[in-house]
Amino acid sequence: MVQNPRPFTATFFNWKELTTSIFQGLFITAGTFFAYQYAIILGFDEALTRTMVFTVFITANVFLTLVNRSIYYSIFTTLKYKNNMALLLIGITLSITASLLFFPPPTRFFNFETLNLSRSTSCIYIGFITVMWCELVKINTRYKAINNH
């Protein structure tokens, strides 16, 4: 609040933030493609494949919300911070996703199938992996900051 407002000519994102966001999107895309190929190779039908890809995409975005709470501190540190809005949004997302996957009318409408525990775990794991590489970047950033002082 002490700083002057940024000029109207200044961009909202700098190149580093924009590049990071692009890489995050590309990794999530790669994860969803991986889930698709995994389901196809295992001979799953279209509905199950669609459900797995959707679950990976939603899971990755939930983890992305948690990872992007700080560009410096780890997800484990930021989970300790109180943020009711983030919890609310994640709760709403997970509730809607659960209703789409486990409540028959929306499941039929979107032509999803209910995932068993093994497939659900695989989707969550793939979504987790597609985002957690950001934590390695944060570790590197903290390491550089500590060694430069």
Protein backbone atom coordinates (compact mmCIF):
# COMPACT_ATOMS: atom_id res chain seq x y z
CA MET A 1 0.00 0.00 0.00
CA VAL A 2 3.01 2.26 0.37
CA GLN A 3 4.09 1.82 -3.26
CA ASN A 4 2.72 3.98 -6.06
CA PRO A 5 0.32 2.26 -8.46
CA ARG A 6 1.91 0.68 -11.48
CA PRO A 7 1.71 2.74 -14.68
CA PHE A 8 -1.07 1.92 -17.15
CA THR A 9 1.59 1.04 -19.71
CA ALA A 10 3.09 -1.68 -17.49
CA THR A 11 2.12 -5.27 -18.19
CA PHE A 12 0.37 -7.38 -15.59
CA PHE A 13 2.77 -10.33 -15.97
CA ASN A 14 6.50 -10.27 -16.46
CA TRP A 15 8.19 -12.72 -18.84
CA LYS A 16 9.32 -15.05 -16.06
CA GLU A 17 5.78 -15.41 -14.68
CA LEU A 18 4.34 -15.85 -18.17
CA THR A 19 6.95 -18.47 -19.06
CA THR A 20 6.27 -20.35 -15.83
CA SER A 21 2.53 -20.34 -16.53
CA ILE A 22 3.09 -21.62 -20.06
CA PHE A 23 5.31 -24.45 -18.79
CA GLN A 24 2.76 -25.34 -16.12
CA GLY A 25 0.07 -25.52 -18.79
CA LEU A 26 2.25 -27.63 -21.05
CA PHE A 27 3.03 -30.09 -18.24
CA ILE A 28 -0.66 -30.41 -17.37
CA THR A 29 -1.43 -30.95 -21.05
CA ALA A 30 1.27 -33.62 -21.21
CA GLY A 31 -0.23 -35.31 -18.14
CA THR A 32 -3.70 -35.37 -19.66
CA PHE A 33 -2.30 -36.76 -22.93
CA PHE A 34 -0.42 -39.37 -20.91
CA ALA A 35 -3.64 -40.41 -19.14
CA TYR A 36 -5.38 -40.61 -22.51
CA GLN A 37 -2.65 -42.80 -24.02
CA TYR A 38 -2.50 -44.94 -20.88
CA ALA A 39 -6.25 -45.59 -21.07
CA ILE A 40 -6.09 -46.33 -24.81
CA ILE A 41 -3.16 -48.75 -24.41
CA LEU A 42 -5.06 -50.60 -21.68
CA GLY A 43 -8.07 -50.87 -24.01
CA PHE A 44 -10.45 -48.76 -21.95
CA ASP A 45 -13.61 -47.54 -23.65
CA GLU A 46 -14.29 -43.92 -24.57
CA ALA A 47 -16.30 -43.11 -21.44
CA LEU A 48 -13.64 -44.44 -19.05
CA THR A 49 -10.88 -42.70 -21.00
CA ARG A 50 -12.80 -39.42 -20.89
CA THR A 51 -13.33 -39.80 -17.15
CA MET A 52 -9.65 -40.45 -16.51
CA VAL A 53 -8.51 -37.47 -18.59
CA PHE A 54 -11.05 -35.21 -16.86
CA THR A 55 -9.94 -36.43 -13.42
CA VAL A 56 -6.26 -35.82 -14.21
CA PHE A 57 -7.06 -32.33 -15.47
CA ILE A 58 -9.09 -31.38 -12.40
CA THR A 59 -6.57 -32.93 -10.00
CA ALA A 60 -3.67 -31.12 -11.66
CA ASN A 61 -5.50 -27.81 -11.40
CA VAL A 62 -6.28 -28.31 -7.72
CA PHE A 63 -2.60 -29.02 -7.05
CA LEU A 64 -1.67 -26.03 -9.24
CA THR A 65 -3.82 -23.80 -7.04
CA LEU A 66 -1.89 -25.00 -4.00
CA VAL A 67 1.55 -24.81 -5.64
CA ASN A 68 0.99 -21.30 -7.00
CA ARG A 69 0.17 -19.82 -3.60
CA SER A 70 3.86 -18.86 -3.40
CA ILE A 71 6.64 -18.63 -5.95
CA TYR A 72 9.22 -19.02 -3.19
CA TYR A 73 7.87 -21.15 -0.34
CA SER A 74 6.99 -24.82 -0.69
CA ILE A 75 3.46 -26.16 -0.80
CA PHE A 76 4.07 -27.67 2.63
CA THR A 77 4.81 -24.24 4.07
CA THR A 78 1.89 -22.51 2.36
CA LEU A 79 -0.58 -25.20 3.46
CA LYS A 80 -0.06 -23.83 6.97
CA TYR A 81 -1.25 -20.37 5.85
CA LYS A 82 -4.90 -19.66 6.49
CA ASN A 83 -6.70 -18.95 3.22
CA ASN A 84 -10.44 -19.55 3.49
CA MET A 85 -11.09 -18.58 -0.14
CA ALA A 86 -8.63 -21.15 -1.50
CA LEU A 87 -10.15 -23.84 0.73
CA LEU A 88 -13.64 -22.84 -0.36
CA LEU A 89 -12.78 -22.94 -4.07
CA ILE A 90 -10.96 -26.27 -3.77
CA GLY A 91 -13.87 -27.67 -1.76
CA ILE A 92 -16.39 -26.51 -4.38
CA THR A 93 -14.23 -27.94 -7.18
CA LEU A 94 -13.89 -31.30 -5.47
CA SER A 95 -17.60 -31.41 -4.62
CA ILE A 96 -18.65 -30.68 -8.19
CA THR A 97 -16.14 -33.22 -9.49
CA ALA A 98 -17.38 -35.86 -7.06
CA SER A 99 -20.97 -35.20 -8.11
CA LEU A 100 -19.99 -35.53 -11.79
CA LEU A 101 -18.20 -38.82 -11.16
CA PHE A 102 -20.42 -40.45 -8.52
CA PHE A 103 -23.95 -39.04 -8.90
CA PRO A 104 -25.71 -40.91 -11.74
CA PRO A 105 -27.55 -38.05 -13.54
CA PRO A 106 -24.48 -35.88 -14.24
CA THR A 107 -22.33 -38.98 -14.75
CA ARG A 108 -24.71 -40.14 -17.50
CA PHE A 109 -25.06 -36.62 -18.93
CA PHE A 110 -21.28 -36.28 -19.41
CA ASN A 111 -20.94 -39.96 -20.33
CA PHE A 112 -18.46 -40.56 -17.50
CA GLU A 113 -17.82 -43.80 -15.68
CA THR A 114 -17.15 -44.23 -12.00
CA LEU A 115 -13.45 -44.89 -11.43
CA ASN A 116 -12.31 -47.68 -9.15
CA LEU A 117 -9.71 -46.97 -6.46
CA SER A 118 -6.76 -48.00 -8.63
CA ARG A 119 -7.77 -45.79 -11.57
CA SER A 120 -8.64 -42.87 -9.28
CA THR A 121 -5.25 -43.16 -7.60
CA SER A 122 -3.51 -43.25 -10.98
CA CYS A 123 -5.30 -40.10 -12.10
CA ILE A 124 -4.51 -38.26 -8.87
CA TYR A 125 -0.88 -39.36 -9.10
CA ILE A 126 -0.56 -38.17 -12.71
CA GLY A 127 -2.18 -34.82 -11.82
CA PHE A 128 0.16 -34.49 -8.84
CA ILE A 129 3.30 -35.23 -10.89
CA THR A 130 2.38 -32.77 -13.67
CA VAL A 131 2.46 -29.90 -11.17
CA MET A 132 4.97 -30.86 -8.50
CA TRP A 133 7.98 -30.12 -10.71
CA CYS A 134 7.31 -26.51 -9.71
CA GLU A 135 8.41 -27.41 -6.21
CA LEU A 136 11.86 -28.31 -7.58
CA VAL A 137 12.08 -24.85 -9.13
CA LYS A 138 11.16 -23.32 -5.75
CA ILE A 139 13.85 -25.38 -4.00
CA ASN A 140 16.38 -24.11 -6.54
CA THR A 141 15.19 -20.52 -6.01
CA ARG A 142 15.52 -20.81 -2.22
CA TYR A 143 18.95 -22.44 -2.58
CA LYS A 144 20.18 -19.59 -4.79
CA ALA A 145 18.78 -16.97 -2.40
CA ILE A 146 20.50 -18.56 0.58
CA ASN A 147 23.85 -18.88 -1.20
CA ASN A 148 23.79 -15.32 -2.54
CA HIS A 149 23.68 -13.79 0.93
